[in-house]
C-alpha atoms as a PDB file:
ATOM      1  CA  UNK A   1      54.214  -3.210 -30.614  1.00  0.00           C
ATOM      2  CA  UNK A   2      51.084  -1.060 -30.745  1.00  0.00           C
ATOM      3  CA  UNK A   3      51.229   2.592 -29.794  1.00  0.00           C
ATOM      4  CA  UNK A   4      48.585   3.694 -27.287  1.00  0.00           C
ATOM      5  CA  UNK A   5      46.093   6.503 -27.752  1.00  0.00           C
ATOM      6  CA  UNK A   6      43.597   7.945 -25.285  1.00  0.00           C
ATOM      7  CA  UNK A   7      41.249   5.050 -26.223  1.00  0.00           C
ATOM      8  CA  UNK A   8      43.757   2.207 -25.824  1.00  0.00           C
ATOM      9  CA  UNK A   9      46.044   0.363 -28.224  1.00  0.00           C
ATOM     10  CA  UNK A  10      46.111   1.500 -31.845  1.00  0.00           C
ATOM     11  CA  UNK A  11      45.533  -1.800 -33.667  1.00  0.00           C
ATOM     12  CA  UNK A  12      46.524  -1.683 -37.315  1.00  0.00           C
ATOM     13  CA  UNK A  13      46.209  -5.229 -38.564  1.00  0.00           C
ATOM     14  CA  UNK A  14      45.527  -8.877 -37.767  1.00  0.00           C
ATOM     15  CA  UNK A  15      47.114 -11.196 -36.728  1.00  0.00           C
ATOM     16  CA  UNK A  16      50.057  -8.853 -36.205  1.00  0.00           C
ATOM     17  CA  UNK A  17      50.017  -5.153 -35.481  1.00  0.00           C
ATOM     18  CA  UNK A  18      51.656  -4.182 -38.759  1.00  0.00           C
ATOM     19  CA  UNK A  19      52.497  -0.557 -39.519  1.00  0.00           C
ATOM     20  CA  UNK A  20      53.928   1.271 -42.502  1.00  0.00           C
ATOM     21  CA  UNK A  21      57.678   0.768 -42.635  1.00  0.00           C
ATOM     22  CA  UNK A  22      59.473   3.415 -40.616  1.00  0.00           C
ATOM     23  CA  UNK A  23      56.305   4.900 -39.096  1.00  0.00           C
ATOM     24  CA  UNK A  24      56.850   6.330 -35.621  1.00  0.00           C
ATOM     25  CA  UNK A  25      54.363   5.534 -32.849  1.00  0.00           C
ATOM     26  CA  UNK A  26      53.432   9.216 -32.476  1.00  0.00           C
ATOM     27  CA  UNK A  27      52.678   9.385 -36.221  1.00  0.00           C
ATOM     28  CA  UNK A  28      50.253   6.464 -35.802  1.00  0.00           C
ATOM     29  CA  UNK A  29      48.287   8.207 -33.039  1.00  0.00           C
ATOM     30  CA  UNK A  30      50.365   7.161 -30.042  1.00  0.00           C
ATOM     31  CA  UNK A  31      49.946   9.454 -27.048  1.00  0.00           C
ATOM     32  CA  UNK A  32      52.004   7.661 -24.405  1.00  0.00           C
ATOM     33  CA  UNK A  33      51.890   4.609 -22.217  1.00  0.00           C
ATOM     34  CA  UNK A  34      52.104   3.151 -18.745  1.00  0.00           C
ATOM     35  CA  UNK A  35      55.702   2.851 -17.594  1.00  0.00           C
ATOM     36  CA  UNK A  36      56.956   0.880 -14.585  1.00  0.00           C
ATOM     37  CA  UNK A  37      59.115   2.816 -12.127  1.00  0.00           C
ATOM     38  CA  UNK A  38      61.990   1.470 -10.031  1.00  0.00           C
ATOM     39  CA  UNK A  39      59.944   1.831  -6.835  1.00  0.00           C
ATOM     40  CA  UNK A  40      57.334  -0.586  -8.221  1.00  0.00           C
ATOM     41  CA  UNK A  41      54.740   2.051  -9.092  1.00  0.00           C
ATOM     42  CA  UNK A  42      53.348   2.559 -12.588  1.00  0.00           C
ATOM     43  CA  UNK A  43      52.538   5.899 -14.162  1.00  0.00           C
ATOM     44  CA  UNK A  44      51.440   7.374 -17.467  1.00  0.00           C
ATOM     45  CA  UNK A  45      54.236   8.858 -19.570  1.00  0.00           C
ATOM     46  CA  UNK A  46      53.245  11.089 -22.512  1.00  0.00           C
ATOM     47  CA  UNK A  47      54.831  10.387 -25.896  1.00  0.00           C
ATOM     48  CA  UNK A  48      56.567  13.781 -25.789  1.00  0.00           C
ATOM     49  CA  UNK A  49      58.693  12.527 -22.864  1.00  0.00           C
ATOM     50  CA  UNK A  50      59.489   9.118 -24.378  1.00  0.00           C
ATOM     51  CA  UNK A  51      62.473   8.122 -26.440  1.00  0.00           C
ATOM     52  CA  UNK A  52      62.621   5.520 -29.224  1.00  0.00           C
ATOM     53  CA  UNK A  53      64.646   2.378 -28.523  1.00  0.00           C
ATOM     54  CA  UNK A  54      65.352  -0.841 -30.377  1.00  0.00           C
ATOM     55  CA  UNK A  55      63.725  -3.775 -28.615  1.00  0.00           C
ATOM     56  CA  UNK A  56      62.665  -7.239 -29.693  1.00  0.00           C
ATOM     57  CA  UNK A  57      61.077 -10.553 -29.064  1.00  0.00           C
ATOM     58  CA  UNK A  58      60.176 -13.790 -30.819  1.00  0.00           C
ATOM     59  CA  UNK A  59      63.174 -13.428 -33.141  1.00  0.00           C
ATOM     60  CA  UNK A  60      62.209  -9.985 -34.452  1.00  0.00           C
ATOM     61  CA  UNK A  61      63.310  -6.420 -33.715  1.00  0.00           C
ATOM     62  CA  UNK A  62      60.949  -3.512 -33.054  1.00  0.00           C
ATOM     63  CA  UNK A  63      61.146   0.170 -32.213  1.00  0.00           C
ATOM     64  CA  UNK A  64      59.752   0.644 -28.725  1.00  0.00           C
ATOM     65  CA  UNK A  65      59.037   3.789 -26.761  1.00  0.00           C
ATOM     66  CA  UNK A  66      59.643   4.377 -23.073  1.00  0.00           C
END
């Protein structure tokens, strides 16, 4: 799951967005991301206001921020 900077997704490798083990999104240049709200709107949330959560998909687990 790529962190997002002011210029878009921070892409670290191909074909998967691999990162150093244990590296936090903010340490890789992440500045925040678009987050969906319960009223259906979407807004930018800076990394300083995000928490880290375990998430997953395709049989793997990731650390996600929201």
